[in-house]
Amino acid sequence: QLFFGANQCGMGCVFTDIAPVYSTVLNTVVNTMGALAGIM
């Protein structure tokens, strides 16, 4: 769980850091990939 928490803590805010204007689009694309991984 320590490794999983370390992975998750930065992913939520990195899109806002990199591209605040398009952070919602980037977050949507990455969440879609995560959903596909959840199916697989």
PDB file of all heavy atoms in Angstrom:
ATOM      1  N   GLN A   1       0.814  -1.207   0.000  1.00  0.00           N
ATOM      2  CA  GLN A   1       0.000   0.000   0.000  1.00  0.00           C
ATOM      3  C   GLN A   1       0.852   1.264   0.000  1.00  0.00           C
ATOM      4  O   GLN A   1       0.449   2.283  -0.528  1.00  0.00           O
ATOM      5  CB  GLN A   1      -0.949   0.001   1.201  1.00  0.00           C
ATOM      6  CG  GLN A   1      -2.021  -1.061   1.113  1.00  0.00           C
ATOM      7  CD  GLN A   1      -2.924  -0.853  -0.084  1.00  0.00           C
ATOM      8  OE1 GLN A   1      -3.212   0.269  -0.470  1.00  0.00           O
ATOM      9  NE2 GLN A   1      -3.362  -1.934  -0.687  1.00  0.00           N
ATOM     10  N   LEU A   2       2.023   1.190   0.585  1.00  0.00           N
ATOM     11  CA  LEU A   2       2.928   2.333   0.597  1.00  0.00           C
ATOM     12  C   LEU A   2       3.303   2.726  -0.824  1.00  0.00           C
ATOM     13  O   LEU A   2       3.264   3.897  -1.195  1.00  0.00           O
ATOM     14  CB  LEU A   2       4.177   2.010   1.404  1.00  0.00           C
ATOM     15  CG  LEU A   2       5.295   3.053   1.355  1.00  0.00           C
ATOM     16  CD1 LEU A   2       4.853   4.301   2.091  1.00  0.00           C
ATOM     17  CD2 LEU A   2       6.556   2.503   1.949  1.00  0.00           C
ATOM     18  N   PHE A   3       3.634   1.749  -1.653  1.00  0.00           N
ATOM     19  CA  PHE A   3       4.001   2.034  -3.037  1.00  0.00           C
ATOM     20  C   PHE A   3       2.805   2.567  -3.821  1.00  0.00           C
ATOM     21  O   PHE A   3       2.927   3.484  -4.620  1.00  0.00           O
ATOM     22  CB  PHE A   3       4.551   0.785  -3.722  1.00  0.00           C
ATOM     23  CG  PHE A   3       5.883   0.366  -3.183  1.00  0.00           C
ATOM     24  CD1 PHE A   3       6.035  -0.842  -2.537  1.00  0.00           C
ATOM     25  CD2 PHE A   3       6.990   1.182  -3.318  1.00  0.00           C
ATOM     26  CE1 PHE A   3       7.252  -1.229  -2.042  1.00  0.00           C
ATOM     27  CE2 PHE A   3       8.215   0.811  -2.817  1.00  0.00           C
ATOM     28  CZ  PHE A   3       8.348  -0.398  -2.181  1.00  0.00           C
ATOM     29  N   PHE A   4       1.642   1.979  -3.587  1.00  0.00           N
ATOM     30  CA  PHE A   4       0.451   2.424  -4.304  1.00  0.00           C
ATOM     31  C   PHE A   4       0.091   3.852  -3.917  1.00  0.00           C
ATOM     32  O   PHE A   4      -0.244   4.666  -4.770  1.00  0.00           O
ATOM     33  CB  PHE A   4      -0.711   1.474  -4.016  1.00  0.00           C
ATOM     34  CG  PHE A   4      -1.931   1.780  -4.823  1.00  0.00           C
ATOM     35  CD1 PHE A   4      -1.931   1.573  -6.197  1.00  0.00           C
ATOM     36  CD2 PHE A   4      -3.067   2.268  -4.230  1.00  0.00           C
ATOM     37  CE1 PHE A   4      -3.047   1.856  -6.950  1.00  0.00           C
ATOM     38  CE2 PHE A   4      -4.197   2.551  -4.977  1.00  0.00           C
ATOM     39  CZ  PHE A   4      -4.179   2.340  -6.341  1.00  0.00           C
ATOM     40  N   GLY A   5       0.183   4.176  -2.645  1.00  0.00           N
ATOM     41  CA  GLY A   5      -0.091   5.540  -2.199  1.00  0.00           C
ATOM     42  C   GLY A   5       0.897   6.538  -2.760  1.00  0.00           C
ATOM     43  O   GLY A   5       0.539   7.660  -3.134  1.00  0.00           O
ATOM     44  N   ALA A   6       2.156   6.131  -2.848  1.00  0.00           N
ATOM     45  CA  ALA A   6       3.172   7.012  -3.423  1.00  0.00           C
ATOM     46  C   ALA A   6       2.909   7.262  -4.902  1.00  0.00           C
ATOM     47  O   ALA A   6       3.157   8.347  -5.411  1.00  0.00           O
ATOM     48  CB  ALA A   6       4.562   6.398  -3.228  1.00  0.00           C
ATOM     49  N   ASN A   7       2.385   6.270  -5.597  1.00  0.00           N
ATOM     50  CA  ASN A   7       2.035   6.467  -7.011  1.00  0.00           C
ATOM     51  C   ASN A   7       0.868   7.425  -7.169  1.00  0.00           C
ATOM     52  O   ASN A   7       0.864   8.280  -8.050  1.00  0.00           O
ATOM     53  CB  ASN A   7       1.656   5.133  -7.662  1.00  0.00           C
ATOM     54  CG  ASN A   7       2.848   4.276  -7.970  1.00  0.00           C
ATOM     55  OD1 ASN A   7       3.973   4.736  -7.961  1.00  0.00           O
ATOM     56  ND2 ASN A   7       2.605   3.015  -8.240  1.00  0.00           N
ATOM     57  N   GLN A   8      -0.140   7.268  -6.343  1.00  0.00           N
ATOM     58  CA  GLN A   8      -1.371   8.027  -6.513  1.00  0.00           C
ATOM     59  C   GLN A   8      -1.276   9.478  -6.071  1.00  0.00           C
ATOM     60  O   GLN A   8      -1.979  10.327  -6.603  1.00  0.00           O
ATOM     61  CB  GLN A   8      -2.510   7.340  -5.736  1.00  0.00           C
ATOM     62  CG  GLN A   8      -2.889   5.997  -6.289  1.00  0.00           C
ATOM     63  CD  GLN A   8      -3.450   6.093  -7.682  1.00  0.00           C
ATOM     64  OE1 GLN A   8      -4.053   7.077  -8.062  1.00  0.00           O
ATOM     65  NE2 GLN A   8      -3.226   5.060  -8.469  1.00  0.00           N
ATOM     66  N   CYS A   9      -0.424   9.779  -5.114  1.00  0.00           N
ATOM     67  CA  CYS A   9      -0.439  11.121  -4.527  1.00  0.00           C
ATOM     68  C   CYS A   9      -0.036  12.207  -5.516  1.00  0.00           C
ATOM     69  O   CYS A   9      -0.519  13.327  -5.433  1.00  0.00           O
ATOM     70  CB  CYS A   9       0.434  11.177  -3.284  1.00  0.00           C
ATOM     71  SG  CYS A   9       2.190  11.018  -3.629  1.00  0.00           S
ATOM     72  N   GLY A  10       0.825  11.919  -6.459  1.00  0.00           N
ATOM     73  CA  GLY A  10       1.258  12.948  -7.397  1.00  0.00           C
ATOM     74  C   GLY A  10       0.443  13.033  -8.658  1.00  0.00           C
ATOM     75  O   GLY A  10       0.417  14.065  -9.330  1.00  0.00           O
ATOM     76  N   MET A  11      -0.265  11.966  -8.997  1.00  0.00           N
ATOM     77  CA  MET A  11      -0.974  11.956 -10.272  1.00  0.00           C
ATOM     78  C   MET A  11      -2.196  12.872 -10.278  1.00  0.00           C
ATOM     79  O   MET A  11      -2.605  13.343 -11.324  1.00  0.00           O
ATOM     80  CB  MET A  11      -1.381  10.531 -10.633  1.00  0.00           C
ATOM     81  CG  MET A  11      -0.174   9.693 -10.948  1.00  0.00           C
ATOM     82  SD  MET A  11      -0.438   8.028 -11.575  1.00  0.00           S
ATOM     83  CE  MET A  11      -2.079   7.593 -11.244  1.00  0.00           C
ATOM     84  N   GLY A  12      -2.762  13.113  -9.127  1.00  0.00           N
ATOM     85  CA  GLY A  12      -3.945  13.953  -9.082  1.00  0.00           C
ATOM     86  C   GLY A  12      -3.683  15.416  -9.398  1.00  0.00           C
ATOM     87  O   GLY A  12      -4.540  16.108  -9.924  1.00  0.00           O
ATOM     88  N   CYS A  13      -2.505  15.889  -9.083  1.00  0.00           N
ATOM     89  CA  CYS A  13      -2.231  17.314  -9.271  1.00  0.00           C
ATOM     90  C   CYS A  13      -1.257  17.623 -10.393  1.00  0.00           C
ATOM     91  O   CYS A  13      -1.101  18.779 -10.768  1.00  0.00           O
ATOM     92  CB  CYS A  13      -1.704  17.919  -7.969  1.00  0.00           C
ATOM     93  SG  CYS A  13      -0.149  17.211  -7.433  1.00  0.00           S
ATOM     94  N   VAL A  14      -0.614  16.630 -10.971  1.00  0.00           N
ATOM     95  CA  VAL A  14       0.410  16.916 -11.972  1.00  0.00           C
ATOM     96  C   VAL A  14      -0.179  17.531 -13.240  1.00  0.00           C
ATOM     97  O   VAL A  14       0.452  18.357 -13.893  1.00  0.00           O
ATOM     98  CB  VAL A  14       1.250  15.657 -12.289  1.00  0.00           C
ATOM     99  CG1 VAL A  14       0.496  14.673 -13.144  1.00  0.00           C
ATOM    100  CG2 VAL A  14       2.550  16.051 -12.954  1.00  0.00           C
ATOM    101  N   PHE A  15      -1.402  17.182 -13.591  1.00  0.00           N
ATOM    102  CA  PHE A  15      -2.006  17.757 -14.795  1.00  0.00           C
ATOM    103  C   PHE A  15      -2.254  19.250 -14.619  1.00  0.00           C
ATOM    104  O   PHE A  15      -2.092  20.025 -15.557  1.00  0.00           O
ATOM    105  CB  PHE A  15      -3.315  17.046 -15.151  1.00  0.00           C
ATOM    106  CG  PHE A  15      -3.136  15.583 -15.371  1.00  0.00           C
ATOM    107  CD1 PHE A  15      -3.793  14.659 -14.589  1.00  0.00           C
ATOM    108  CD2 PHE A  15      -2.290  15.121 -16.351  1.00  0.00           C
ATOM    109  CE1 PHE A  15      -3.625  13.314 -14.786  1.00  0.00           C
ATOM    110  CE2 PHE A  15      -2.105  13.772 -16.561  1.00  0.00           C
ATOM    111  CZ  PHE A  15      -2.777  12.869 -15.773  1.00  0.00           C
ATOM    112  N   THR A  16      -2.644  19.645 -13.424  1.00  0.00           N
ATOM    113  CA  THR A  16      -2.844  21.062 -13.156  1.00  0.00           C
ATOM    114  C   THR A  16      -1.518  21.804 -13.151  1.00  0.00           C
ATOM    115  O   THR A  16      -1.443  22.952 -13.567  1.00  0.00           O
ATOM    116  CB  THR A  16      -3.555  21.248 -11.806  1.00  0.00           C
ATOM    117  OG1 THR A  16      -4.756  20.471 -11.833  1.00  0.00           O
ATOM    118  CG2 THR A  16      -3.906  22.682 -11.558  1.00  0.00           C
ATOM    119  N   ASP A  17      -0.451  21.148 -12.713  1.00  0.00           N
ATOM    120  CA  ASP A  17       0.870  21.768 -12.731  1.00  0.00           C
ATOM    121  C   ASP A  17       1.389  21.950 -14.148  1.00  0.00           C
ATOM    122  O   ASP A  17       1.965  22.982 -14.482  1.00  0.00           O
ATOM    123  CB  ASP A  17       1.882  20.922 -11.949  1.00  0.00           C
ATOM    124  CG  ASP A  17       1.646  20.964 -10.459  1.00  0.00           C
ATOM    125  OD1 ASP A  17       0.939  21.872 -10.004  1.00  0.00           O
ATOM    126  OD2 ASP A  17       2.160  20.078  -9.760  1.00  0.00           O
ATOM    127  N   ILE A  18       1.206  20.952 -14.987  1.00  0.00           N
ATOM    128  CA  ILE A  18       1.767  20.978 -16.335  1.00  0.00           C
ATOM    129  C   ILE A  18       0.947  21.867 -17.262  1.00  0.00           C
ATOM    130  O   ILE A  18       1.487  22.695 -17.980  1.00  0.00           O
ATOM    131  CB  ILE A  18       1.841  19.553 -16.911  1.00  0.00           C
ATOM    132  CG1 ILE A  18       2.852  18.735 -16.121  1.00  0.00           C
ATOM    133  CG2 ILE A  18       2.228  19.573 -18.369  1.00  0.00           C
ATOM    134  CD1 ILE A  18       2.860  17.285 -16.488  1.00  0.00           C
ATOM    135  N   ALA A  19      -0.354  21.666 -17.281  1.00  0.00           N
ATOM    136  CA  ALA A  19      -1.215  22.380 -18.229  1.00  0.00           C
ATOM    137  C   ALA A  19      -2.553  22.695 -17.576  1.00  0.00           C
ATOM    138  O   ALA A  19      -3.521  21.954 -17.739  1.00  0.00           O
ATOM    139  CB  ALA A  19      -1.433  21.533 -19.478  1.00  0.00           C
ATOM    140  N   PRO A  20      -2.627  23.794 -16.837  1.00  0.00           N
ATOM    141  CA  PRO A  20      -3.875  24.119 -16.142  1.00  0.00           C
ATOM    142  C   PRO A  20      -5.075  24.265 -17.072  1.00  0.00           C
ATOM    143  O   PRO A  20      -6.184  23.921 -16.707  1.00  0.00           O
ATOM    144  CB  PRO A  20      -3.569  25.447 -15.444  1.00  0.00           C
ATOM    145  CG  PRO A  20      -2.096  25.559 -15.407  1.00  0.00           C
ATOM    146  CD  PRO A  20      -1.567  24.753 -16.545  1.00  0.00           C
ATOM    147  N   VAL A  21      -4.849  24.759 -18.269  1.00  0.00           N
ATOM    148  CA  VAL A  21      -5.959  24.981 -19.200  1.00  0.00           C
ATOM    149  C   VAL A  21      -6.561  23.658 -19.664  1.00  0.00           C
ATOM    150  O   VAL A  21      -7.772  23.525 -19.809  1.00  0.00           O
ATOM    151  CB  VAL A  21      -5.487  25.820 -20.411  1.00  0.00           C
ATOM    152  CG1 VAL A  21      -6.576  25.962 -21.450  1.00  0.00           C
ATOM    153  CG2 VAL A  21      -5.021  27.188 -19.939  1.00  0.00           C
ATOM    154  N   TYR A  22      -5.713  22.656 -19.895  1.00  0.00           N
ATOM    155  CA  TYR A  22      -6.170  21.386 -20.436  1.00  0.00           C
ATOM    156  C   TYR A  22      -6.123  20.254 -19.418  1.00  0.00           C
ATOM    157  O   TYR A  22      -6.145  19.083 -19.791  1.00  0.00           O
ATOM    158  CB  TYR A  22      -5.326  21.017 -21.661  1.00  0.00           C
ATOM    159  CG  TYR A  22      -5.432  22.029 -22.765  1.00  0.00           C
ATOM    160  CD1 TYR A  22      -4.383  22.894 -23.038  1.00  0.00           C
ATOM    161  CD2 TYR A  22      -6.593  22.147 -23.513  1.00  0.00           C
ATOM    162  CE1 TYR A  22      -4.486  23.839 -24.041  1.00  0.00           C
ATOM    163  CE2 TYR A  22      -6.701  23.088 -24.521  1.00  0.00           C
ATOM    164  CZ  TYR A  22      -5.642  23.926 -24.782  1.00  0.00           C
ATOM    165  OH  TYR A  22      -5.754  24.862 -25.770  1.00  0.00           O
ATOM    166  N   SER A  23      -6.065  20.574 -18.143  1.00  0.00           N
ATOM    167  CA  SER A  23      -5.927  19.532 -17.130  1.00  0.00           C
ATOM    168  C   SER A  23      -7.140  18.601 -17.105  1.00  0.00           C
ATOM    169  O   SER A  23      -6.986  17.403 -16.847  1.00  0.00           O
ATOM    170  CB  SER A  23      -5.705  20.140 -15.756  1.00  0.00           C
ATOM    171  OG  SER A  23      -6.813  20.902 -15.346  1.00  0.00           O
ATOM    172  N   THR A  24      -8.321  19.108 -17.384  1.00  0.00           N
ATOM    173  CA  THR A  24      -9.498  18.242 -17.380  1.00  0.00           C
ATOM    174  C   THR A  24      -9.445  17.221 -18.507  1.00  0.00           C
ATOM    175  O   THR A  24      -9.804  16.060 -18.319  1.00  0.00           O
ATOM    176  CB  THR A  24     -10.780  19.063 -17.485  1.00  0.00           C
ATOM    177  OG1 THR A  24     -10.710  19.908 -18.636  1.00  0.00           O
ATOM    178  CG2 THR A  24     -10.989  19.926 -16.260  1.00  0.00           C
ATOM    179  N   VAL A  25      -8.975  17.626 -19.664  1.00  0.00           N
ATOM    180  CA  VAL A  25      -8.865  16.699 -20.795  1.00  0.00           C
ATOM    181  C   VAL A  25      -7.804  15.640 -20.500  1.00  0.00           C
ATOM    182  O   VAL A  25      -8.020  14.443 -20.728  1.00  0.00           O
ATOM    183  CB  VAL A  25      -8.532  17.463 -22.094  1.00  0.00           C
ATOM    184  CG1 VAL A  25      -8.272  16.511 -23.237  1.00  0.00           C
ATOM    185  CG2 VAL A  25      -9.634  18.437 -22.440  1.00  0.00           C
ATOM    186  N   LEU A  26      -6.646  16.070 -19.999  1.00  0.00           N
ATOM    187  CA  LEU A  26      -5.586  15.119 -19.672  1.00  0.00           C
ATOM    188  C   LEU A  26      -6.036  14.138 -18.597  1.00  0.00           C
ATOM    189  O   LEU A  26      -5.780  12.935 -18.686  1.00  0.00           O
ATOM    190  CB  LEU A  26      -4.335  15.870 -19.198  1.00  0.00           C
ATOM    191  CG  LEU A  26      -3.618  16.707 -20.248  1.00  0.00           C
ATOM    192  CD1 LEU A  26      -2.548  17.572 -19.588  1.00  0.00           C
ATOM    193  CD2 LEU A  26      -3.001  15.819 -21.304  1.00  0.00           C
ATOM    194  N   ASN A  27      -6.728  14.625 -17.597  1.00  0.00           N
ATOM    195  CA  ASN A  27      -7.219  13.767 -16.533  1.00  0.00           C
ATOM    196  C   ASN A  27      -8.234  12.762 -17.067  1.00  0.00           C
ATOM    197  O   ASN A  27      -8.235  11.597 -16.659  1.00  0.00           O
ATOM    198  CB  ASN A  27      -7.831  14.620 -15.426  1.00  0.00           C
ATOM    199  CG  ASN A  27      -7.909  13.888 -14.118  1.00  0.00           C
ATOM    200  OD1 ASN A  27      -7.397  12.800 -13.970  1.00  0.00           O
ATOM    201  ND2 ASN A  27      -8.543  14.507 -13.147  1.00  0.00           N
ATOM    202  N   THR A  28      -9.080  13.182 -17.987  1.00  0.00           N
ATOM    203  CA  THR A  28     -10.061  12.281 -18.579  1.00  0.00           C
ATOM    204  C   THR A  28      -9.395  11.164 -19.361  1.00  0.00           C
ATOM    205  O   THR A  28      -9.778   9.993 -19.254  1.00  0.00           O
ATOM    206  CB  THR A  28     -11.014  13.067 -19.493  1.00  0.00           C
ATOM    207  OG1 THR A  28     -11.655  14.087 -18.716  1.00  0.00           O
ATOM    208  CG2 THR A  28     -12.055  12.166 -20.111  1.00  0.00           C
ATOM    209  N   VAL A  29      -8.393  11.501 -20.148  1.00  0.00           N
ATOM    210  CA  VAL A  29      -7.686  10.485 -20.941  1.00  0.00           C
ATOM    211  C   VAL A  29      -7.003   9.469 -20.029  1.00  0.00           C
ATOM    212  O   VAL A  29      -7.101   8.251 -20.242  1.00  0.00           O
ATOM    213  CB  VAL A  29      -6.674  11.156 -21.896  1.00  0.00           C
ATOM    214  CG1 VAL A  29      -5.779  10.127 -22.543  1.00  0.00           C
ATOM    215  CG2 VAL A  29      -7.393  11.978 -22.945  1.00  0.00           C
ATOM    216  N   VAL A  30      -6.330   9.950 -18.998  1.00  0.00           N
ATOM    217  CA  VAL A  30      -5.619   9.045 -18.092  1.00  0.00           C
ATOM    218  C   VAL A  30      -6.600   8.205 -17.284  1.00  0.00           C
ATOM    219  O   VAL A  30      -6.367   7.012 -17.053  1.00  0.00           O
ATOM    220  CB  VAL A  30      -4.661   9.848 -17.183  1.00  0.00           C
ATOM    221  CG1 VAL A  30      -4.082   8.978 -16.096  1.00  0.00           C
ATOM    222  CG2 VAL A  30      -3.557  10.448 -18.021  1.00  0.00           C
ATOM    223  N   ASN A  31      -7.722   8.769 -16.869  1.00  0.00           N
ATOM    224  CA  ASN A  31      -8.725   7.986 -16.153  1.00  0.00           C
ATOM    225  C   ASN A  31      -9.346   6.920 -17.050  1.00  0.00           C
ATOM    226  O   ASN A  31      -9.708   5.846 -16.573  1.00  0.00           O
ATOM    227  CB  ASN A  31      -9.809   8.893 -15.579  1.00  0.00           C
ATOM    228  CG  ASN A  31      -9.382   9.538 -14.289  1.00  0.00           C
ATOM    229  OD1 ASN A  31      -8.553   8.998 -13.568  1.00  0.00           O
ATOM    230  ND2 ASN A  31      -9.929  10.699 -13.993  1.00  0.00           N
ATOM    231  N   THR A  32      -9.472   7.208 -18.343  1.00  0.00           N
ATOM    232  CA  THR A  32      -9.967   6.201 -19.279  1.00  0.00           C
ATOM    233  C   THR A  32      -8.995   5.031 -19.367  1.00  0.00           C
ATOM    234  O   THR A  32      -9.404   3.863 -19.373  1.00  0.00           O
ATOM    235  CB  THR A  32     -10.183   6.821 -20.673  1.00  0.00           C
ATOM    236  OG1 THR A  32     -11.124   7.887 -20.552  1.00  0.00           O
ATOM    237  CG2 THR A  32     -10.689   5.793 -21.657  1.00  0.00           C
ATOM    238  N   MET A  33      -7.700   5.335 -19.419  1.00  0.00           N
ATOM    239  CA  MET A  33      -6.700   4.258 -19.431  1.00  0.00           C
ATOM    240  C   MET A  33      -6.767   3.449 -18.139  1.00  0.00           C
ATOM    241  O   MET A  33      -6.624   2.223 -18.162  1.00  0.00           O
ATOM    242  CB  MET A  33      -5.304   4.839 -19.617  1.00  0.00           C
ATOM    243  CG  MET A  33      -5.037   5.312 -21.015  1.00  0.00           C
ATOM    244  SD  MET A  33      -3.319   5.796 -21.190  1.00  0.00           S
ATOM    245  CE  MET A  33      -3.501   7.518 -21.527  1.00  0.00           C
ATOM    246  N   GLY A  34      -6.990   4.130 -17.036  1.00  0.00           N
ATOM    247  CA  GLY A  34      -7.121   3.430 -15.764  1.00  0.00           C
ATOM    248  C   GLY A  34      -8.346   2.540 -15.724  1.00  0.00           C
ATOM    249  O   GLY A  34      -8.311   1.434 -15.163  1.00  0.00           O
ATOM    250  N   ALA A  35      -9.439   2.991 -16.327  1.00  0.00           N
ATOM    251  CA  ALA A  35     -10.650   2.171 -16.388  1.00  0.00           C
ATOM    252  C   ALA A  35     -10.417   0.931 -17.249  1.00  0.00           C
ATOM    253  O   ALA A  35     -10.891  -0.161 -16.918  1.00  0.00           O
ATOM    254  CB  ALA A  35     -11.809   2.998 -16.939  1.00  0.00           C
ATOM    255  N   LEU A  36      -9.681   1.094 -18.340  1.00  0.00           N
ATOM    256  CA  LEU A  36      -9.360  -0.064 -19.180  1.00  0.00           C
ATOM    257  C   LEU A  36      -8.501  -1.066 -18.417  1.00  0.00           C
ATOM    258  O   LEU A  36      -8.682  -2.284 -18.537  1.00  0.00           O
ATOM    259  CB  LEU A  36      -8.662   0.384 -20.462  1.00  0.00           C
ATOM    260  CG  LEU A  36      -9.525   1.198 -21.424  1.00  0.00           C
ATOM    261  CD1 LEU A  36      -8.689   1.694 -22.600  1.00  0.00           C
ATOM    262  CD2 LEU A  36     -10.702   0.386 -21.906  1.00  0.00           C
ATOM    263  N   ALA A  37      -7.569  -0.562 -17.619  1.00  0.00           N
ATOM    264  CA  ALA A  37      -6.757  -1.452 -16.780  1.00  0.00           C
ATOM    265  C   ALA A  37      -7.636  -2.151 -15.747  1.00  0.00           C
ATOM    266  O   ALA A  37      -7.417  -3.328 -15.426  1.00  0.00           O
ATOM    267  CB  ALA A  37      -5.652  -0.655 -16.091  1.00  0.00           C
ATOM    268  N   GLY A  38      -8.650  -1.450 -15.242  1.00  0.00           N
ATOM    269  CA  GLY A  38      -9.584  -2.058 -14.296  1.00  0.00           C
ATOM    270  C   GLY A  38     -10.429  -3.147 -14.926  1.00  0.00           C
ATOM    271  O   GLY A  38     -10.877  -4.076 -14.244  1.00  0.00           O
ATOM    272  N   ILE A  39     -10.658  -3.054 -16.216  1.00  0.00           N
ATOM    273  CA  ILE A  39     -11.386  -4.107 -16.927  1.00  0.00           C
ATOM    274  C   ILE A  39     -10.470  -5.307 -17.177  1.00  0.00           C
ATOM    275  O   ILE A  39     -10.879  -6.461 -17.055  1.00  0.00           O
ATOM    276  CB  ILE A  39     -11.952  -3.562 -18.252  1.00  0.00           C
ATOM    277  CG1 ILE A  39     -13.045  -2.527 -17.954  1.00  0.00           C
ATOM    278  CG2 ILE A  39     -12.486  -4.683 -19.134  1.00  0.00           C
ATOM    279  CD1 ILE A  39     -13.483  -1.737 -19.164  1.00  0.00           C
ATOM    280  N   MET A  40      -9.223  -5.035 -17.529  1.00  0.00           N
ATOM    281  CA  MET A  40      -8.283  -6.104 -17.847  1.00  0.00           C
ATOM    282  C   MET A  40      -7.792  -6.844 -16.598  1.00  0.00           C
ATOM    283  O   MET A  40      -7.453  -8.030 -16.680  1.00  0.00           O
ATOM    284  CB  MET A  40      -7.076  -5.540 -18.611  1.00  0.00           C
ATOM    285  CG  MET A  40      -7.402  -5.016 -19.984  1.00  0.00           C
ATOM    286  SD  MET A  40      -8.133  -6.246 -21.079  1.00  0.00           S
ATOM    287  CE  MET A  40      -6.818  -7.435 -21.173  1.00  0.00           C
TER     288      MET A  40
END
